[in-house]
Amino acid sequence: MKKIISMSILAFWIVFLAVPAYAADGTQNAGIQGVVTPQFTYIAVLIPGLSIDSSGKATCSGMASAYNSSHTINLTVELQKSGDWSTIKSWSATAPGPHIADVYEDYYVVRGTYRVCATAKVYNASGTLLESQSLYSDTVVY
């Protein structure tokens, strides 16, 4: 069930965040020109998530995948509390290549402000680190 949810979220992101491309008509300065660049070099998807219900159950999530099938992606999801944004709980997952490494875990929290930090690291076949990036969820007050 967790994989189905993860794949559905990934499909949503791919379909609705696709950037349309238009062919140039040969005119110069026909309007605002922009350069489309990938957000990351080796990381295809990196999504952090956090929700906290009325009982204090924090649902921490993260998804990551790599572009290349010969690479491995390691995902670490950290639940952090405001103040010094110290990590109070962390989980990790690993997946080969374009498969999704995902974390979907619950943890009960006390009153405060929280966020999730999702860190993805991509390694090549020989174990060399190619890229490491972190993204934070929105903060949630409980």
C-alpha atoms as a PDB file:
ATOM      1  CA  MET A   1       0.000   0.000   0.000  1.00  0.00           C
ATOM      2  CA  LYS A   2       2.864   2.346   0.860  1.00  0.00           C
ATOM      3  CA  LYS A   3       4.422   1.804  -2.581  1.00  0.00           C
ATOM      4  CA  ILE A   4       1.109   2.537  -4.308  1.00  0.00           C
ATOM      5  CA  ILE A   5       0.789   5.839  -2.432  1.00  0.00           C
ATOM      6  CA  SER A   6       4.406   6.707  -3.217  1.00  0.00           C
ATOM      7  CA  MET A   7       4.009   5.945  -6.899  1.00  0.00           C
ATOM      8  CA  SER A   8       0.778   7.966  -7.034  1.00  0.00           C
ATOM      9  CA  ILE A   9       2.484  10.977  -5.495  1.00  0.00           C
ATOM     10  CA  LEU A  10       5.419  10.637  -7.890  1.00  0.00           C
ATOM     11  CA  ALA A  11       3.062  10.397 -10.874  1.00  0.00           C
ATOM     12  CA  PHE A  12       1.230  13.511  -9.659  1.00  0.00           C
ATOM     13  CA  TRP A  13       4.483  15.474  -9.434  1.00  0.00           C
ATOM     14  CA  ILE A  14       5.658  14.334 -12.848  1.00  0.00           C
ATOM     15  CA  VAL A  15       2.365  15.134 -14.595  1.00  0.00           C
ATOM     16  CA  PHE A  16       1.495  18.433 -12.928  1.00  0.00           C
ATOM     17  CA  LEU A  17       4.947  19.944 -12.578  1.00  0.00           C
ATOM     18  CA  ALA A  18       6.062  19.293 -16.136  1.00  0.00           C
ATOM     19  CA  VAL A  19       7.452  22.382 -17.805  1.00  0.00           C
ATOM     20  CA  PRO A  20       6.094  22.991 -21.284  1.00  0.00           C
ATOM     21  CA  ALA A  21       8.616  23.635 -24.058  1.00  0.00           C
ATOM     22  CA  TYR A  22       7.983  25.820 -27.070  1.00  0.00           C
ATOM     23  CA  ALA A  23       9.864  25.986 -30.352  1.00  0.00           C
ATOM     24  CA  ALA A  24      11.513  29.271 -31.204  1.00  0.00           C
ATOM     25  CA  ASP A  25       9.980  31.129 -34.144  1.00  0.00           C
ATOM     26  CA  GLY A  26      13.253  32.699 -35.249  1.00  0.00           C
ATOM     27  CA  THR A  27      12.545  36.196 -33.919  1.00  0.00           C
ATOM     28  CA  GLN A  28      14.922  37.775 -31.463  1.00  0.00           C
ATOM     29  CA  ASN A  29      13.650  39.053 -28.112  1.00  0.00           C
ATOM     30  CA  ALA A  30      10.114  37.933 -28.841  1.00  0.00           C
ATOM     31  CA  GLY A  31       9.332  38.082 -25.134  1.00  0.00           C
ATOM     32  CA  ILE A  32      10.773  37.078 -21.830  1.00  0.00           C
ATOM     33  CA  GLN A  33      13.320  34.345 -22.435  1.00  0.00           C
ATOM     34  CA  GLY A  34      14.245  31.873 -19.709  1.00  0.00           C
ATOM     35  CA  VAL A  35      16.679  29.068 -19.336  1.00  0.00           C
ATOM     36  CA  VAL A  36      15.255  25.773 -18.141  1.00  0.00           C
ATOM     37  CA  THR A  37      17.666  23.891 -15.909  1.00  0.00           C
ATOM     38  CA  PRO A  38      17.153  20.865 -13.678  1.00  0.00           C
ATOM     39  CA  GLN A  39      16.941  21.536  -9.975  1.00  0.00           C
ATOM     40  CA  PHE A  40      19.447  18.787  -9.226  1.00  0.00           C
ATOM     41  CA  THR A  41      22.059  16.989 -11.293  1.00  0.00           C
ATOM     42  CA  TYR A  42      21.581  13.355 -10.250  1.00  0.00           C
ATOM     43  CA  ILE A  43      18.437  13.526  -8.076  1.00  0.00           C
ATOM     44  CA  ALA A  44      15.191  13.178 -10.033  1.00  0.00           C
ATOM     45  CA  VAL A  45      12.748  13.567  -7.133  1.00  0.00           C
ATOM     46  CA  LEU A  46      13.124  14.811  -3.548  1.00  0.00           C
ATOM     47  CA  ILE A  47       9.947  15.490  -1.568  1.00  0.00           C
ATOM     48  CA  PRO A  48       9.679  16.043   2.211  1.00  0.00           C
ATOM     49  CA  GLY A  49       6.364  15.968   4.067  1.00  0.00           C
ATOM     50  CA  LEU A  50       4.961  16.493   7.564  1.00  0.00           C
ATOM     51  CA  SER A  51       1.517  16.488   9.130  1.00  0.00           C
ATOM     52  CA  ILE A  52       0.535  16.410  12.797  1.00  0.00           C
ATOM     53  CA  ASP A  53      -2.936  15.396  13.937  1.00  0.00           C
ATOM     54  CA  SER A  54      -4.827  16.606  17.024  1.00  0.00           C
ATOM     55  CA  SER A  55      -3.402  13.799  19.195  1.00  0.00           C
ATOM     56  CA  GLY A  56       0.200  14.784  18.445  1.00  0.00           C
ATOM     57  CA  LYS A  57       0.899  12.027  15.946  1.00  0.00           C
ATOM     58  CA  ALA A  58       3.409  13.412  13.464  1.00  0.00           C
ATOM     59  CA  THR A  59       3.417  11.653  10.115  1.00  0.00           C
ATOM     60  CA  CYS A  60       6.833  12.183   8.578  1.00  0.00           C
ATOM     61  CA  SER A  61       7.416  11.339   4.942  1.00  0.00           C
ATOM     62  CA  GLY A  62       9.991  11.637   2.233  1.00  0.00           C
ATOM     63  CA  MET A  63      10.498  10.386  -1.293  1.00  0.00           C
ATOM     64  CA  ALA A  64      13.597  10.398  -3.467  1.00  0.00           C
ATOM     65  CA  SER A  65      14.812   8.836  -6.674  1.00  0.00           C
ATOM     66  CA  ALA A  66      17.801   9.113  -8.974  1.00  0.00           C
ATOM     67  CA  TYR A  67      17.851   9.581 -12.733  1.00  0.00           C
ATOM     68  CA  ASN A  68      20.397   6.890 -13.573  1.00  0.00           C
ATOM     69  CA  SER A  69      19.696   3.178 -13.143  1.00  0.00           C
ATOM     70  CA  SER A  70      23.334   2.487 -12.246  1.00  0.00           C
ATOM     71  CA  HIS A  71      23.180   4.849  -9.262  1.00  0.00           C
ATOM     72  CA  THR A  72      21.907   4.264  -5.730  1.00  0.00           C
ATOM     73  CA  ILE A  73      19.919   6.800  -3.733  1.00  0.00           C
ATOM     74  CA  ASN A  74      19.952   7.043   0.057  1.00  0.00           C
ATOM     75  CA  LEU A  75      17.161   9.011   1.714  1.00  0.00           C
ATOM     76  CA  THR A  76      17.263  10.262   5.288  1.00  0.00           C
ATOM     77  CA  VAL A  77      14.172  11.865   6.826  1.00  0.00           C
ATOM     78  CA  GLU A  78      14.667  13.816  10.046  1.00  0.00           C
ATOM     79  CA  LEU A  79      11.925  15.192  12.281  1.00  0.00           C
ATOM     80  CA  GLN A  80      13.206  18.470  13.745  1.00  0.00           C
ATOM     81  CA  LYS A  81      11.892  20.710  16.530  1.00  0.00           C
ATOM     82  CA  SER A  82      12.164  24.493  16.451  1.00  0.00           C
ATOM     83  CA  GLY A  83      14.537  26.433  18.631  1.00  0.00           C
ATOM     84  CA  ASP A  84      17.805  25.050  17.349  1.00  0.00           C
ATOM     85  CA  TRP A  85      16.022  22.744  14.868  1.00  0.00           C
ATOM     86  CA  SER A  86      17.493  19.715  16.581  1.00  0.00           C
ATOM     87  CA  THR A  87      16.678  16.292  15.140  1.00  0.00           C
ATOM     88  CA  ILE A  88      14.450  14.287  17.475  1.00  0.00           C
ATOM     89  CA  LYS A  89      13.904  11.254  15.238  1.00  0.00           C
ATOM     90  CA  SER A  90      15.266  10.036  11.912  1.00  0.00           C
ATOM     91  CA  TRP A  91      14.607   7.250   9.422  1.00  0.00           C
ATOM     92  CA  SER A  92      16.323   6.155   6.233  1.00  0.00           C
ATOM     93  CA  ALA A  93      15.713   4.186   3.059  1.00  0.00           C
ATOM     94  CA  THR A  94      17.775   3.142   0.056  1.00  0.00           C
ATOM     95  CA  ALA A  95      16.759   2.331  -3.509  1.00  0.00           C
ATOM     96  CA  PRO A  96      18.573   1.510  -6.734  1.00  0.00           C
ATOM     97  CA  GLY A  97      18.490   3.944  -9.639  1.00  0.00           C
ATOM     98  CA  PRO A  98      15.121   5.319 -10.682  1.00  0.00           C
ATOM     99  CA  HIS A  99      13.214   3.354  -8.042  1.00  0.00           C
ATOM    100  CA  ILE A 100      11.751   5.368  -5.194  1.00  0.00           C
ATOM    101  CA  ALA A 101      13.334   5.401  -1.763  1.00  0.00           C
ATOM    102  CA  ASP A 102      10.536   6.380   0.576  1.00  0.00           C
ATOM    103  CA  VAL A 103       9.915   6.878   4.262  1.00  0.00           C
ATOM    104  CA  TYR A 104       6.457   7.102   5.811  1.00  0.00           C
ATOM    105  CA  GLU A 105       6.638   6.953   9.603  1.00  0.00           C
ATOM    106  CA  ASP A 106       4.658   8.161  12.617  1.00  0.00           C
ATOM    107  CA  TYR A 107       6.067   9.652  15.804  1.00  0.00           C
ATOM    108  CA  TYR A 108       4.221  11.246  18.720  1.00  0.00           C
ATOM    109  CA  VAL A 109       5.352  14.763  19.600  1.00  0.00           C
ATOM    110  CA  VAL A 110       4.769  17.274  22.403  1.00  0.00           C
ATOM    111  CA  ARG A 111       3.575  20.835  21.814  1.00  0.00           C
ATOM    112  CA  GLY A 112       5.855  22.879  19.592  1.00  0.00           C
ATOM    113  CA  THR A 113       6.824  23.718  16.022  1.00  0.00           C
ATOM    114  CA  TYR A 114       8.248  21.022  13.771  1.00  0.00           C
ATOM    115  CA  ARG A 115       9.598  20.426  10.292  1.00  0.00           C
ATOM    116  CA  VAL A 116      10.985  17.502   8.302  1.00  0.00           C
ATOM    117  CA  CYS A 117      14.354  17.590   6.586  1.00  0.00           C
ATOM    118  CA  ALA A 118      14.689  15.123   3.708  1.00  0.00           C
ATOM    119  CA  THR A 119      18.254  14.511   2.530  1.00  0.00           C
ATOM    120  CA  ALA A 120      19.016  12.532  -0.620  1.00  0.00           C
ATOM    121  CA  LYS A 121      22.475  11.241  -1.480  1.00  0.00           C
ATOM    122  CA  VAL A 122      23.263   9.675  -4.848  1.00  0.00           C
ATOM    123  CA  TYR A 123      26.152   7.237  -5.200  1.00  0.00           C
ATOM    124  CA  ASN A 124      27.603   5.703  -8.355  1.00  0.00           C
ATOM    125  CA  ALA A 125      28.289   1.976  -8.760  1.00  0.00           C
ATOM    126  CA  SER A 126      31.720   2.254  -7.107  1.00  0.00           C
ATOM    127  CA  GLY A 127      30.257   4.005  -4.054  1.00  0.00           C
ATOM    128  CA  THR A 128      31.412   7.540  -4.824  1.00  0.00           C
ATOM    129  CA  LEU A 129      29.068  10.271  -3.604  1.00  0.00           C
ATOM    130  CA  LEU A 130      27.814  12.204  -6.642  1.00  0.00           C
ATOM    131  CA  GLU A 131      25.292  14.563  -5.065  1.00  0.00           C
ATOM    132  CA  SER A 132      23.783  15.403  -1.702  1.00  0.00           C
ATOM    133  CA  GLN A 133      20.803  17.727  -1.318  1.00  0.00           C
ATOM    134  CA  SER A 134      18.362  18.553   1.490  1.00  0.00           C
ATOM    135  CA  LEU A 135      14.853  19.996   1.374  1.00  0.00           C
ATOM    136  CA  TYR A 136      12.618  21.036   4.272  1.00  0.00           C
ATOM    137  CA  SER A 137       8.878  20.641   4.673  1.00  0.00           C
ATOM    138  CA  ASP A 138       6.696  23.523   5.749  1.00  0.00           C
ATOM    139  CA  THR A 139       6.728  24.027   9.517  1.00  0.00           C
ATOM    140  CA  VAL A 140       3.790  22.626  11.470  1.00  0.00           C
ATOM    141  CA  VAL A 141       2.685  23.930  14.881  1.00  0.00           C
ATOM    142  CA  TYR A 142       1.163  21.480  17.347  1.00  0.00           C
END
